[in-house]
C-alpha atoms as a PDB file:
ATOM      1  CA  MET A   1     220.483-143.404 322.974  1.00  0.00           C
ATOM      2  CA  CYS A   2     220.942-143.404 319.180  1.00  0.00           C
ATOM      3  CA  LYS A   3     218.647-145.700 317.191  1.00  0.00           C
ATOM      4  CA  VAL A   4     219.286-146.667 313.573  1.00  0.00           C
ATOM      5  CA  ASN A   5     216.926-147.385 310.659  1.00  0.00           C
ATOM      6  CA  ALA A   6     216.491-151.165 310.493  1.00  0.00           C
ATOM      7  CA  LYS A   7     216.176-151.049 306.684  1.00  0.00           C
ATOM      8  CA  ALA A   8     219.493-149.219 306.247  1.00  0.00           C
ATOM      9  CA  GLU A   9     221.583-151.494 308.449  1.00  0.00           C
ATOM     10  CA  GLU A  10     223.796-154.368 307.260  1.00  0.00           C
ATOM     11  CA  TYR A  11     223.551-157.351 309.628  1.00  0.00           C
ATOM     12  CA  GLU A  12     225.545-160.402 310.570  1.00  0.00           C
ATOM     13  CA  THR A  13     223.746-163.660 309.924  1.00  0.00           C
ATOM     14  CA  PHE A  14     222.941-165.320 313.222  1.00  0.00           C
ATOM     15  CA  PHE A  15     221.127-168.301 314.694  1.00  0.00           C
ATOM     16  CA  ILE A  16     219.236-168.072 317.986  1.00  0.00           C
ATOM     17  CA  LEU A  17     216.792-170.341 319.774  1.00  0.00           C
ATOM     18  CA  GLY A  18     216.219-172.461 316.662  1.00  0.00           C
ATOM     19  CA  GLN A  19     215.698-169.570 314.273  1.00  0.00           C
ATOM     20  CA  ASP A  20     217.740-167.930 311.544  1.00  0.00           C
ATOM     21  CA  ALA A  21     218.227-164.290 312.476  1.00  0.00           C
ATOM     22  CA  LEU A  22     219.994-161.046 311.689  1.00  0.00           C
ATOM     23  CA  PHE A  23     222.254-159.502 314.337  1.00  0.00           C
ATOM     24  CA  THR A  24     223.461-155.930 314.881  1.00  0.00           C
ATOM     25  CA  ASN A  25     225.213-154.234 317.780  1.00  0.00           C
ATOM     26  CA  SER A  26     223.015-151.196 317.133  1.00  0.00           C
ATOM     27  CA  ARG A  27     219.771-150.249 318.748  1.00  0.00           C
ATOM     28  CA  LEU A  28     217.069-150.298 316.089  1.00  0.00           C
ATOM     29  CA  ASP A  29     214.298-147.774 315.607  1.00  0.00           C
ATOM     30  CA  ARG A  30     211.373-150.190 316.046  1.00  0.00           C
ATOM     31  CA  THR A  31     209.174-148.084 313.750  1.00  0.00           C
ATOM     32  CA  THR A  32     211.478-148.949 310.810  1.00  0.00           C
ATOM     33  CA  ILE A  33     211.238-152.743 311.175  1.00  0.00           C
ATOM     34  CA  PRO A  34     209.284-154.249 308.290  1.00  0.00           C
ATOM     35  CA  GLU A  35     206.032-156.085 308.973  1.00  0.00           C
ATOM     36  CA  GLY A  36     206.648-159.793 309.425  1.00  0.00           C
ATOM     37  CA  LEU A  37     209.896-159.390 311.365  1.00  0.00           C
ATOM     38  CA  TYR A  38     210.297-159.351 315.130  1.00  0.00           C
ATOM     39  CA  ALA A  39     213.051-157.455 316.969  1.00  0.00           C
ATOM     40  CA  TYR A  40     214.533-158.510 320.272  1.00  0.00           C
ATOM     41  CA  ASP A  41     217.382-157.033 322.307  1.00  0.00           C
ATOM     42  CA  LEU A  42     220.169-159.107 323.781  1.00  0.00           C
ATOM     43  CA  ARG A  43     221.732-158.479 327.184  1.00  0.00           C
ATOM     44  CA  ASP A  44     225.080-159.504 328.591  1.00  0.00           C
ATOM     45  CA  GLU A  45     226.291-159.274 332.154  1.00  0.00           C
ATOM     46  CA  CYS A  46     229.665-157.721 331.309  1.00  0.00           C
ATOM     47  CA  ASP A  47     231.237-161.160 330.867  1.00  0.00           C
ATOM     48  CA  GLY A  48     231.234-161.148 327.042  1.00  0.00           C
ATOM     49  CA  ASN A  49     228.404-163.652 326.710  1.00  0.00           C
ATOM     50  CA  ILE A  50     224.784-163.088 325.816  1.00  0.00           C
ATOM     51  CA  ASN A  51     222.575-164.180 328.714  1.00  0.00           C
ATOM     52  CA  GLU A  52     219.113-162.792 327.999  1.00  0.00           C
ATOM     53  CA  LEU A  53     216.794-162.051 325.069  1.00  0.00           C
ATOM     54  CA  LYS A  54     214.067-159.505 325.763  1.00  0.00           C
ATOM     55  CA  ASP A  55     211.662-157.165 323.941  1.00  0.00           C
ATOM     56  CA  PHE A  56     213.759-154.215 325.100  1.00  0.00           C
ATOM     57  CA  VAL A  57     217.036-153.945 327.016  1.00  0.00           C
ATOM     58  CA  LEU A  58     218.204-150.621 328.426  1.00  0.00           C
ATOM     59  CA  VAL A  59     221.229-151.679 330.525  1.00  0.00           C
ATOM     60  CA  ASN A  60     223.992-153.978 329.216  1.00  0.00           C
ATOM     61  CA  HIS A  61     222.638-153.956 325.656  1.00  0.00           C
ATOM     62  CA  TRP A  62     224.715-156.433 323.631  1.00  0.00           C
ATOM     63  CA  GLY A  63     222.815-156.092 320.355  1.00  0.00           C
ATOM     64  CA  THR A  64     219.532-156.624 318.556  1.00  0.00           C
ATOM     65  CA  VAL A  65     218.290-159.569 316.509  1.00  0.00           C
ATOM     66  CA  LEU A  66     215.570-159.743 313.885  1.00  0.00           C
ATOM     67  CA  VAL A  67     213.699-163.029 313.406  1.00  0.00           C
ATOM     68  CA  LYS A  68     210.734-164.167 311.320  1.00  0.00           C
ATOM     69  CA  GLU A  69     208.759-165.839 314.132  1.00  0.00           C
ATOM     70  CA  PRO A  70     207.903-164.427 317.561  1.00  0.00           C
ATOM     71  CA  ILE A  71     209.860-165.787 320.526  1.00  0.00           C
ATOM     72  CA  ALA A  72     207.684-166.841 323.468  1.00  0.00           C
ATOM     73  CA  GLY A  73     208.531-165.236 326.803  1.00  0.00           C
ATOM     74  CA  ALA A  74     210.523-162.329 325.354  1.00  0.00           C
ATOM     75  CA  GLY A  75     208.373-159.825 327.217  1.00  0.00           C
ATOM     76  CA  GLN A  76     209.616-161.110 330.553  1.00  0.00           C
ATOM     77  CA  GLY A  77     213.006-162.193 329.221  1.00  0.00           C
ATOM     78  CA  VAL A  78     214.362-165.506 327.961  1.00  0.00           C
ATOM     79  CA  GLN A  79     217.576-166.840 329.483  1.00  0.00           C
ATOM     80  CA  ILE A  80     220.181-167.580 326.798  1.00  0.00           C
ATOM     81  CA  LYS A  81     222.929-170.178 327.140  1.00  0.00           C
ATOM     82  CA  PRO A  82     226.047-170.285 324.909  1.00  0.00           C
ATOM     83  CA  TYR A  83     224.607-173.194 322.899  1.00  0.00           C
ATOM     84  CA  ASP A  84     221.387-171.210 322.147  1.00  0.00           C
ATOM     85  CA  TYR A  85     223.061-168.934 319.572  1.00  0.00           C
ATOM     86  CA  ASN A  86     225.712-168.904 316.892  1.00  0.00           C
ATOM     87  CA  TYR A  87     227.254-166.329 314.539  1.00  0.00           C
ATOM     88  CA  ILE A  88     227.049-167.718 310.999  1.00  0.00           C
ATOM     89  CA  GLY A  89     229.690-165.447 309.433  1.00  0.00           C
ATOM     90  CA  ASP A  90     227.905-163.802 306.511  1.00  0.00           C
ATOM     91  CA  THR A  91     226.317-160.398 306.135  1.00  0.00           C
ATOM     92  CA  MET A  92     222.813-159.653 304.879  1.00  0.00           C
ATOM     93  CA  THR A  93     220.306-156.789 304.574  1.00  0.00           C
ATOM     94  CA  VAL A  94     216.735-156.905 305.824  1.00  0.00           C
ATOM     95  CA  ASP A  95     215.431-157.203 302.242  1.00  0.00           C
ATOM     96  CA  GLU A  96     217.729-160.143 301.524  1.00  0.00           C
ATOM     97  CA  PHE A  97     216.641-161.828 304.779  1.00  0.00           C
ATOM     98  CA  MET A  98     212.952-161.378 304.020  1.00  0.00           C
ATOM     99  CA  ASN A  99     213.305-162.715 300.459  1.00  0.00           C
ATOM    100  CA  GLU A 100     215.791-165.554 301.011  1.00  0.00           C
ATOM    101  CA  GLN A 101     215.979-168.236 303.616  1.00  0.00           C
ATOM    102  CA  PRO A 102     219.665-168.534 304.545  1.00  0.00           C
ATOM    103  CA  GLU A 103     220.848-172.070 305.189  1.00  0.00           C
ATOM    104  CA  THR A 104     222.342-172.202 308.648  1.00  0.00           C
ATOM    105  CA  VAL A 105     223.648-174.938 310.801  1.00  0.00           C
ATOM    106  CA  GLN A 106     223.587-174.712 314.570  1.00  0.00           C
ATOM    107  CA  THR A 107     226.662-176.172 316.166  1.00  0.00           C
ATOM    108  CA  GLN A 108     226.293-177.252 319.715  1.00  0.00           C
ATOM    109  CA  THR A 109     229.087-177.513 322.262  1.00  0.00           C
ATOM    110  CA  LEU A 110     228.252-179.458 325.349  1.00  0.00           C
END
């Protein structure tokens, strides 16, 4: 399992569970994540949709997100519905994310 340096990665801007986030398909080396950011893995059930956010995912790893606030319940796993996340469409580095608050809009499909 290859892990990448979080500070060297370029991320997609993302929105999940009410927070602006950075998304990567890579597994991040948790020791390289700057203080003040929280990393969570995303799982899918082979259907192309994210269905769980967790501290660490070994099987069916969809990607990893970085957020500025901890997400309650991530140790046990948080169920994710399609309206809980959105790809914003820009790219950003960790430094840019930490120094700028991107303006994002969550669109919800019911």
